[in-house]
């Protein structure tokens, strides 16, 4: 990956609404050369999607929580049920399978504590969970969706 590709990725991470012409001017390429590079990055899967990030507080989603889940059941059948459950829950933003003493980490957003409780009850009704422990974010110190490109 060259310097120009890295510059394109940096520009798109900052503002995916930039036109090809704006990006081309910013990094010193012609529009057609810039477009070909963007297409190549998309075709290679480096650019997975271009999205609009919404402000969750402005949408009334004031509570972010992280739930650590442990299970005694490590079967494909259990995983399939768990996977199906989290995939159908729109408030679940991220799910990670972990190493160590916690099996899964879930990040979710909800309007309030009552909504959290409803979500918790839905989860335990659908899947057998051994231990569920949640922490609530009191303040976001840093949030970014931009991946570091210095390693390229």
N, C-alpha and C. Protein backbone atom coordinates (compact mmCIF):
# COMPACT_ATOMS: atom_id res chain seq x y z
N UNK A 1 0.86 -1.18 0.00
CA UNK A 1 0.00 0.00 0.00
C UNK A 1 0.90 1.23 0.00
N UNK A 2 0.63 2.11 -0.94
CA UNK A 2 1.46 3.29 -1.09
C UNK A 2 0.99 4.47 -0.26
N UNK A 3 1.79 5.53 -0.31
CA UNK A 3 1.51 6.76 0.43
C UNK A 3 0.18 7.38 0.00
N UNK A 4 -0.13 7.33 -1.28
CA UNK A 4 -1.38 7.91 -1.79
C UNK A 4 -2.59 7.12 -1.28
N UNK A 5 -2.47 5.79 -1.28
CA UNK A 5 -3.57 4.97 -0.75
C UNK A 5 -3.81 5.28 0.72
N UNK A 6 -2.74 5.41 1.45
CA UNK A 6 -2.84 5.74 2.88
C UNK A 6 -3.50 7.11 3.06
N UNK A 7 -3.17 8.07 2.21
CA UNK A 7 -3.77 9.40 2.28
C UNK A 7 -5.27 9.34 1.96
N UNK A 8 -5.63 8.50 0.99
CA UNK A 8 -7.04 8.33 0.65
C UNK A 8 -7.79 7.76 1.85
N UNK A 9 -7.24 6.71 2.46
CA UNK A 9 -7.89 6.10 3.63
C UNK A 9 -8.02 7.09 4.77
N UNK A 10 -6.98 7.89 4.99
CA UNK A 10 -7.02 8.89 6.05
C UNK A 10 -8.13 9.90 5.78
N UNK A 11 -8.23 10.37 4.56
CA UNK A 11 -9.26 11.35 4.20
C UNK A 11 -10.66 10.76 4.37
N UNK A 12 -10.87 9.54 3.90
CA UNK A 12 -12.19 8.92 4.00
C UNK A 12 -12.57 8.61 5.44
N UNK A 13 -11.59 8.26 6.28
CA UNK A 13 -11.90 8.02 7.69
C UNK A 13 -12.34 9.30 8.38
N UNK A 14 -11.79 10.42 7.95
CA UNK A 14 -12.16 11.70 8.55
C UNK A 14 -13.51 12.19 8.05
N UNK A 15 -13.81 11.93 6.77
CA UNK A 15 -15.07 12.40 6.20
C UNK A 15 -15.41 11.57 4.96
N UNK A 16 -16.24 10.57 5.15
CA UNK A 16 -16.61 9.68 4.04
C UNK A 16 -17.50 10.39 3.02
N UNK A 17 -17.95 11.59 3.33
CA UNK A 17 -18.80 12.35 2.41
C UNK A 17 -17.96 13.15 1.40
N UNK A 18 -16.64 13.15 1.56
CA UNK A 18 -15.79 13.87 0.61
C UNK A 18 -15.99 13.29 -0.78
N UNK A 19 -16.03 14.16 -1.78
CA UNK A 19 -16.13 13.69 -3.15
C UNK A 19 -14.77 13.19 -3.61
N UNK A 20 -14.78 12.42 -4.68
CA UNK A 20 -13.52 11.94 -5.25
C UNK A 20 -12.66 13.14 -5.65
N UNK A 21 -13.30 14.17 -6.19
CA UNK A 21 -12.56 15.37 -6.58
C UNK A 21 -11.90 16.05 -5.39
N UNK A 22 -12.61 16.13 -4.26
CA UNK A 22 -12.03 16.74 -3.06
C UNK A 22 -10.85 15.93 -2.53
N UNK A 23 -11.01 14.62 -2.54
CA UNK A 23 -9.91 13.77 -2.08
C UNK A 23 -8.72 13.91 -3.04
N UNK A 24 -8.98 13.87 -4.33
CA UNK A 24 -7.92 13.99 -5.33
C UNK A 24 -7.15 15.29 -5.15
N UNK A 25 -7.87 16.40 -4.98
CA UNK A 25 -7.22 17.70 -4.77
C UNK A 25 -6.39 17.69 -3.49
N UNK A 26 -6.93 17.09 -2.45
CA UNK A 26 -6.28 17.05 -1.13
C UNK A 26 -4.96 16.28 -1.17
N UNK A 27 -4.91 15.21 -1.95
CA UNK A 27 -3.70 14.38 -1.94
C UNK A 27 -2.85 14.52 -3.20
N UNK A 28 -3.30 15.35 -4.14
CA UNK A 28 -2.50 15.61 -5.33
C UNK A 28 -2.57 14.53 -6.40
N UNK A 29 -3.77 14.05 -6.67
CA UNK A 29 -3.99 13.07 -7.74
C UNK A 29 -5.07 13.60 -8.68
N UNK A 30 -5.12 13.02 -9.88
CA UNK A 30 -6.24 13.33 -10.76
C UNK A 30 -7.47 12.61 -10.23
N UNK A 31 -8.66 13.09 -10.64
CA UNK A 31 -9.90 12.45 -10.18
C UNK A 31 -9.95 10.99 -10.62
N UNK A 32 -9.59 10.73 -11.86
CA UNK A 32 -9.68 9.35 -12.36
C UNK A 32 -8.70 8.43 -11.63
N UNK A 33 -7.50 8.90 -11.38
CA UNK A 33 -6.52 8.07 -10.65
C UNK A 33 -6.98 7.83 -9.21
N UNK A 34 -7.55 8.85 -8.61
CA UNK A 34 -8.06 8.73 -7.25
C UNK A 34 -9.23 7.74 -7.21
N UNK A 35 -10.13 7.83 -8.19
CA UNK A 35 -11.28 6.92 -8.25
C UNK A 35 -10.82 5.47 -8.42
N UNK A 36 -9.82 5.26 -9.28
CA UNK A 36 -9.31 3.89 -9.49
C UNK A 36 -8.71 3.34 -8.19
N UNK A 37 -7.99 4.17 -7.46
CA UNK A 37 -7.40 3.72 -6.19
C UNK A 37 -8.48 3.40 -5.17
N UNK A 38 -9.51 4.24 -5.09
CA UNK A 38 -10.62 3.97 -4.16
C UNK A 38 -11.30 2.66 -4.54
N UNK A 39 -11.56 2.46 -5.81
CA UNK A 39 -12.19 1.21 -6.27
C UNK A 39 -11.32 0.00 -5.92
N UNK A 40 -10.02 0.13 -6.12
CA UNK A 40 -9.11 -0.98 -5.80
C UNK A 40 -9.13 -1.28 -4.30
N UNK A 41 -9.18 -0.23 -3.46
CA UNK A 41 -9.25 -0.42 -2.01
C UNK A 41 -10.57 -1.08 -1.60
N UNK A 42 -11.65 -0.72 -2.28
CA UNK A 42 -12.94 -1.37 -2.01
C UNK A 42 -12.93 -2.82 -2.47
N UNK A 43 -12.41 -3.06 -3.66
CA UNK A 43 -12.36 -4.43 -4.21
C UNK A 43 -11.50 -5.34 -3.34
N UNK A 44 -10.45 -4.79 -2.75
CA UNK A 44 -9.56 -5.58 -1.88
C UNK A 44 -10.15 -5.77 -0.49
N UNK A 45 -11.26 -5.10 -0.20
CA UNK A 45 -11.88 -5.23 1.12
C UNK A 45 -11.27 -4.34 2.17
N UNK A 46 -10.33 -3.48 1.79
CA UNK A 46 -9.73 -2.55 2.75
C UNK A 46 -10.77 -1.53 3.20
N UNK A 47 -11.55 -1.04 2.25
CA UNK A 47 -12.70 -0.18 2.57
C UNK A 47 -13.91 -1.09 2.61
N UNK A 48 -14.44 -1.30 3.82
CA UNK A 48 -15.56 -2.20 3.99
C UNK A 48 -16.91 -1.55 3.79
N UNK A 49 -17.00 -0.27 4.13
CA UNK A 49 -18.27 0.46 4.00
C UNK A 49 -18.00 1.94 4.21
N UNK A 50 -18.89 2.73 3.71
CA UNK A 50 -18.86 4.17 3.98
C UNK A 50 -20.17 4.48 4.68
N UNK A 51 -20.08 4.99 5.90
CA UNK A 51 -21.26 5.17 6.73
C UNK A 51 -21.33 6.58 7.30
N UNK A 52 -22.48 6.91 7.85
CA UNK A 52 -22.67 8.15 8.57
C UNK A 52 -22.75 7.81 10.05
N UNK A 53 -21.93 8.47 10.86
CA UNK A 53 -21.95 8.23 12.30
C UNK A 53 -22.96 9.19 12.93
N UNK A 54 -23.86 8.63 13.70
CA UNK A 54 -24.90 9.42 14.35
C UNK A 54 -24.53 9.70 15.80
N UNK A 55 -25.06 10.79 16.34
CA UNK A 55 -24.83 11.15 17.73
C UNK A 55 -25.86 10.44 18.59
N UNK A 56 -25.42 9.46 19.37
CA UNK A 56 -26.38 8.64 20.12
C UNK A 56 -27.15 9.44 21.16
N UNK A 57 -26.54 10.43 21.80
CA UNK A 57 -27.26 11.22 22.80
C UNK A 57 -28.37 12.05 22.15
N UNK A 58 -28.09 12.59 20.97
CA UNK A 58 -29.11 13.39 20.28
C UNK A 58 -30.29 12.51 19.87
N UNK A 59 -30.07 11.21 19.79
CA UNK A 59 -31.13 10.27 19.44
C UNK A 59 -31.77 9.64 20.68
N UNK A 60 -31.40 10.13 21.86
CA UNK A 60 -31.99 9.64 23.10
C UNK A 60 -31.43 8.31 23.59
N UNK A 61 -30.30 7.90 23.06
CA UNK A 61 -29.65 6.66 23.50
C UNK A 61 -28.56 7.04 24.51
N UNK A 62 -28.99 7.44 25.69
CA UNK A 62 -28.10 8.05 26.68
C UNK A 62 -27.24 7.07 27.46
N UNK A 63 -27.57 5.79 27.43
CA UNK A 63 -26.86 4.83 28.27
C UNK A 63 -26.08 3.84 27.41
N UNK A 64 -24.77 3.83 27.59
CA UNK A 64 -23.89 2.84 26.96
C UNK A 64 -23.46 1.89 28.05
N UNK A 65 -23.54 0.59 27.75
CA UNK A 65 -23.07 -0.37 28.74
C UNK A 65 -22.27 -1.48 28.07
N UNK A 66 -21.41 -2.06 28.88
CA UNK A 66 -20.57 -3.17 28.47
C UNK A 66 -20.93 -4.35 29.34
N UNK A 67 -21.27 -5.46 28.72
CA UNK A 67 -21.67 -6.64 29.45
C UNK A 67 -20.67 -7.75 29.21
N UNK A 68 -20.15 -8.29 30.31
CA UNK A 68 -19.26 -9.44 30.25
C UNK A 68 -20.12 -10.69 30.47
N UNK A 69 -19.98 -11.65 29.58
CA UNK A 69 -20.80 -12.86 29.64
C UNK A 69 -19.88 -14.07 29.76
N UNK A 70 -20.24 -14.92 30.70
CA UNK A 70 -19.57 -16.22 30.82
C UNK A 70 -20.63 -17.31 30.64
N UNK A 71 -20.21 -18.41 30.02
CA UNK A 71 -21.10 -19.53 29.83
C UNK A 71 -20.38 -20.81 30.21
N UNK A 72 -21.15 -21.80 30.64
CA UNK A 72 -20.59 -23.13 30.90
C UNK A 72 -20.71 -24.01 29.67
N UNK A 73 -21.43 -23.52 28.69
CA UNK A 73 -21.72 -24.32 27.50
C UNK A 73 -20.92 -23.79 26.33
N UNK A 74 -20.03 -24.60 25.81
CA UNK A 74 -19.19 -24.18 24.69
C UNK A 74 -19.43 -25.11 23.50
N UNK A 75 -20.69 -25.15 23.06
CA UNK A 75 -21.05 -26.00 21.93
C UNK A 75 -21.44 -25.12 20.75
N UNK A 76 -21.42 -25.71 19.58
CA UNK A 76 -21.83 -24.98 18.38
C UNK A 76 -23.29 -24.58 18.47
N UNK A 77 -24.11 -25.45 19.03
CA UNK A 77 -25.55 -25.17 19.17
C UNK A 77 -25.77 -23.94 20.05
N UNK A 78 -25.07 -23.87 21.19
CA UNK A 78 -25.20 -22.71 22.08
C UNK A 78 -24.73 -21.46 21.35
N UNK A 79 -23.56 -21.54 20.70
CA UNK A 79 -23.03 -20.38 19.99
C UNK A 79 -24.00 -19.91 18.91
N UNK A 80 -24.61 -20.83 18.19
CA UNK A 80 -25.56 -20.46 17.14
C UNK A 80 -26.75 -19.69 17.72
N UNK A 81 -27.26 -20.14 18.88
CA UNK A 81 -28.38 -19.43 19.53
C UNK A 81 -27.93 -18.04 20.00
N UNK A 82 -26.76 -17.98 20.61
CA UNK A 82 -26.22 -16.71 21.09
C UNK A 82 -26.01 -15.75 19.91
N UNK A 83 -25.40 -16.24 18.85
CA UNK A 83 -25.13 -15.43 17.67
C UNK A 83 -26.44 -14.90 17.08
N UNK A 84 -27.43 -15.76 16.93
CA UNK A 84 -28.73 -15.34 16.39
C UNK A 84 -29.37 -14.28 17.27
N UNK A 85 -29.25 -14.44 18.58
CA UNK A 85 -29.85 -13.48 19.50
C UNK A 85 -29.22 -12.10 19.34
N UNK A 86 -27.88 -12.01 19.44
CA UNK A 86 -27.25 -10.70 19.39
C UNK A 86 -27.39 -10.04 18.02
N UNK A 87 -27.48 -10.85 16.97
CA UNK A 87 -27.63 -10.29 15.63
C UNK A 87 -29.00 -9.65 15.43
N UNK A 88 -30.00 -10.09 16.18
CA UNK A 88 -31.34 -9.53 16.04
C UNK A 88 -31.62 -8.38 17.01
N UNK A 89 -30.67 -8.06 17.88
CA UNK A 89 -30.87 -6.99 18.87
C UNK A 89 -30.24 -5.70 18.34
N UNK A 90 -31.06 -4.74 17.91
CA UNK A 90 -30.50 -3.52 17.30
C UNK A 90 -29.68 -2.66 18.26
N UNK A 91 -29.89 -2.82 19.54
CA UNK A 91 -29.13 -2.02 20.51
C UNK A 91 -27.72 -2.55 20.73
N UNK A 92 -27.46 -3.77 20.32
CA UNK A 92 -26.13 -4.36 20.47
C UNK A 92 -25.25 -3.80 19.36
N UNK A 93 -24.20 -3.11 19.74
CA UNK A 93 -23.32 -2.46 18.79
C UNK A 93 -22.10 -3.30 18.45
N UNK A 94 -21.59 -4.04 19.44
CA UNK A 94 -20.40 -4.86 19.25
C UNK A 94 -20.52 -6.10 20.12
N UNK A 95 -19.97 -7.20 19.62
CA UNK A 95 -19.85 -8.43 20.41
C UNK A 95 -18.49 -9.02 20.10
N UNK A 96 -17.73 -9.31 21.14
CA UNK A 96 -16.40 -9.89 20.98
C UNK A 96 -16.32 -11.19 21.76
N UNK A 97 -15.78 -12.24 21.14
CA UNK A 97 -15.46 -13.47 21.84
C UNK A 97 -14.04 -13.30 22.36
N UNK A 98 -13.85 -13.55 23.65
CA UNK A 98 -12.60 -13.23 24.31
C UNK A 98 -11.84 -14.46 24.76
N UNK A 99 -10.57 -14.26 25.00
CA UNK A 99 -9.78 -15.27 25.70
C UNK A 99 -9.85 -14.92 27.19
N UNK A 100 -9.47 -15.85 28.04
CA UNK A 100 -9.46 -15.57 29.48
C UNK A 100 -10.72 -16.03 30.16
N UNK A 101 -11.02 -15.44 31.31
CA UNK A 101 -12.13 -15.92 32.13
C UNK A 101 -13.49 -15.40 31.72
N UNK A 102 -13.54 -14.44 30.83
CA UNK A 102 -14.81 -13.93 30.29
C UNK A 102 -14.91 -14.42 28.85
N UNK A 103 -16.07 -14.95 28.49
CA UNK A 103 -16.25 -15.52 27.16
C UNK A 103 -16.61 -14.49 26.09
N UNK A 104 -17.49 -13.54 26.45
CA UNK A 104 -17.96 -12.55 25.47
C UNK A 104 -18.06 -11.18 26.12
N UNK A 105 -17.80 -10.16 25.31
CA UNK A 105 -17.98 -8.78 25.73
C UNK A 105 -18.94 -8.14 24.74
N UNK A 106 -20.00 -7.53 25.29
CA UNK A 106 -21.04 -6.91 24.48
C UNK A 106 -21.08 -5.42 24.80
N UNK A 107 -21.08 -4.59 23.76
CA UNK A 107 -21.31 -3.15 23.95
C UNK A 107 -22.67 -2.85 23.35
N UNK A 108 -23.50 -2.17 24.13
CA UNK A 108 -24.84 -1.84 23.66
C UNK A 108 -25.22 -0.44 24.11
N UNK A 109 -26.21 0.13 23.44
CA UNK A 109 -26.74 1.44 23.79
C UNK A 109 -28.25 1.34 23.94
N UNK A 110 -28.76 2.03 24.95
CA UNK A 110 -30.20 2.05 25.23
C UNK A 110 -30.57 3.44 25.75
N UNK A 111 -31.86 3.75 25.74
CA UNK A 111 -32.27 5.07 26.23
C UNK A 111 -32.10 5.25 27.75
N UNK A 112 -32.35 4.17 28.51
CA UNK A 112 -32.37 4.34 29.97
C UNK A 112 -32.22 2.99 30.66
N UNK A 113 -32.22 3.02 31.99
CA UNK A 113 -32.01 1.81 32.77
C UNK A 113 -33.13 0.79 32.57
N UNK A 114 -34.35 1.25 32.42
CA UNK A 114 -35.46 0.32 32.18
C UNK A 114 -35.23 -0.45 30.88
N UNK A 115 -34.76 0.24 29.86
CA UNK A 115 -34.48 -0.41 28.58
C UNK A 115 -33.35 -1.43 28.73
N UNK A 116 -32.35 -1.09 29.55
CA UNK A 116 -31.28 -2.05 29.82
C UNK A 116 -31.86 -3.30 30.47
N UNK A 117 -32.71 -3.12 31.47
CA UNK A 117 -33.28 -4.25 32.17
C UNK A 117 -34.11 -5.13 31.23
N UNK A 118 -34.87 -4.50 30.34
CA UNK A 118 -35.65 -5.26 29.36
C UNK A 118 -34.73 -6.07 28.43
N UNK A 119 -33.63 -5.45 28.03
CA UNK A 119 -32.68 -6.13 27.16
C UNK A 119 -32.02 -7.30 27.90
N UNK A 120 -31.65 -7.08 29.13
CA UNK A 120 -31.07 -8.14 29.96
C UNK A 120 -32.03 -9.33 30.08
N UNK A 121 -33.29 -9.04 30.39
CA UNK A 121 -34.28 -10.11 30.53
C UNK A 121 -34.49 -10.86 29.22
N UNK A 122 -34.45 -10.14 28.09
CA UNK A 122 -34.58 -10.79 26.79
C UNK A 122 -33.40 -11.73 26.55
N UNK A 123 -32.20 -11.29 26.90
CA UNK A 123 -31.02 -12.12 26.69
C UNK A 123 -31.08 -13.40 27.51
N UNK A 124 -31.39 -13.29 28.79
CA UNK A 124 -31.38 -14.49 29.64
C UNK A 124 -32.55 -15.42 29.34
N UNK A 125 -33.61 -14.88 28.71
CA UNK A 125 -34.72 -15.74 28.32
C UNK A 125 -34.39 -16.55 27.07
N UNK A 126 -33.52 -16.03 26.22
CA UNK A 126 -33.24 -16.68 24.95
C UNK A 126 -32.04 -17.63 24.99
N UNK A 127 -31.08 -17.34 25.86
CA UNK A 127 -29.85 -18.13 25.88
C UNK A 127 -29.45 -18.39 27.33
N UNK A 128 -29.01 -19.61 27.60
CA UNK A 128 -28.55 -19.98 28.94
C UNK A 128 -27.19 -19.34 29.19
N UNK A 129 -27.15 -18.39 30.13
CA UNK A 129 -25.92 -17.69 30.47
C UNK A 129 -25.55 -18.00 31.91
N UNK A 130 -24.29 -18.31 32.16
CA UNK A 130 -23.83 -18.64 33.50
C UNK A 130 -23.65 -17.37 34.34
N UNK A 131 -23.00 -16.37 33.78
CA UNK A 131 -22.70 -15.15 34.53
C UNK A 131 -22.81 -13.96 33.59
N UNK A 132 -23.56 -12.96 34.00
CA UNK A 132 -23.74 -11.74 33.23
C UNK A 132 -23.43 -10.58 34.16
N UNK A 133 -22.48 -9.75 33.75
CA UNK A 133 -22.10 -8.60 34.59
C UNK A 133 -21.92 -7.39 33.68
N UNK A 134 -22.62 -6.30 34.02
CA UNK A 134 -22.57 -5.11 33.17
C UNK A 134 -21.95 -3.93 33.90
N UNK A 135 -21.29 -3.10 33.12
CA UNK A 135 -20.78 -1.82 33.58
C UNK A 135 -21.36 -0.74 32.69
N UNK A 136 -21.67 0.40 33.29
CA UNK A 136 -22.29 1.50 32.58
C UNK A 136 -21.30 2.63 32.40
N UNK A 137 -21.22 3.15 31.19
CA UNK A 137 -20.30 4.24 30.89
C UNK A 137 -20.84 5.53 31.49
N UNK A 138 -20.02 6.15 32.31
CA UNK A 138 -20.41 7.43 32.92
C UNK A 138 -19.96 8.60 32.06
N UNK A 139 -18.86 8.42 31.31
CA UNK A 139 -18.34 9.48 30.46
C UNK A 139 -17.48 8.84 29.38
N UNK A 140 -17.62 9.31 28.16
CA UNK A 140 -16.76 8.86 27.08
C UNK A 140 -15.56 9.79 27.00
N UNK A 141 -14.40 9.26 27.28
CA UNK A 141 -13.16 10.05 27.25
C UNK A 141 -12.63 10.15 25.82
N UNK A 142 -12.66 9.04 25.11
CA UNK A 142 -12.22 9.03 23.71
C UNK A 142 -13.09 8.05 22.95
N UNK A 143 -13.51 8.45 21.78
CA UNK A 143 -14.25 7.58 20.88
C UNK A 143 -13.82 7.89 19.47
N UNK A 144 -13.40 6.88 18.75
CA UNK A 144 -13.04 7.08 17.36
C UNK A 144 -13.37 5.83 16.58
N UNK A 145 -13.66 6.00 15.33
CA UNK A 145 -13.83 4.86 14.43
C UNK A 145 -12.64 4.78 13.47
N UNK A 146 -11.75 5.76 13.54
CA UNK A 146 -10.60 5.82 12.63
C UNK A 146 -9.51 4.85 13.08
N UNK A 147 -9.14 3.94 12.19
CA UNK A 147 -8.05 3.01 12.49
C UNK A 147 -6.71 3.70 12.30
N UNK A 148 -5.71 3.33 13.09
CA UNK A 148 -4.38 3.94 12.91
C UNK A 148 -3.75 3.46 11.61
N UNK A 149 -3.21 4.36 10.85
CA UNK A 149 -2.61 4.02 9.56
C UNK A 149 -1.09 4.10 9.59
N UNK A 150 -0.51 4.46 10.73
CA UNK A 150 0.92 4.60 10.85
C UNK A 150 1.65 3.27 10.64
N UNK A 151 0.95 2.16 10.80
CA UNK A 151 1.56 0.85 10.68
C UNK A 151 1.69 0.37 9.24
N UNK A 152 1.03 1.08 8.33
CA UNK A 152 1.06 0.67 6.93
C UNK A 152 2.38 1.01 6.26
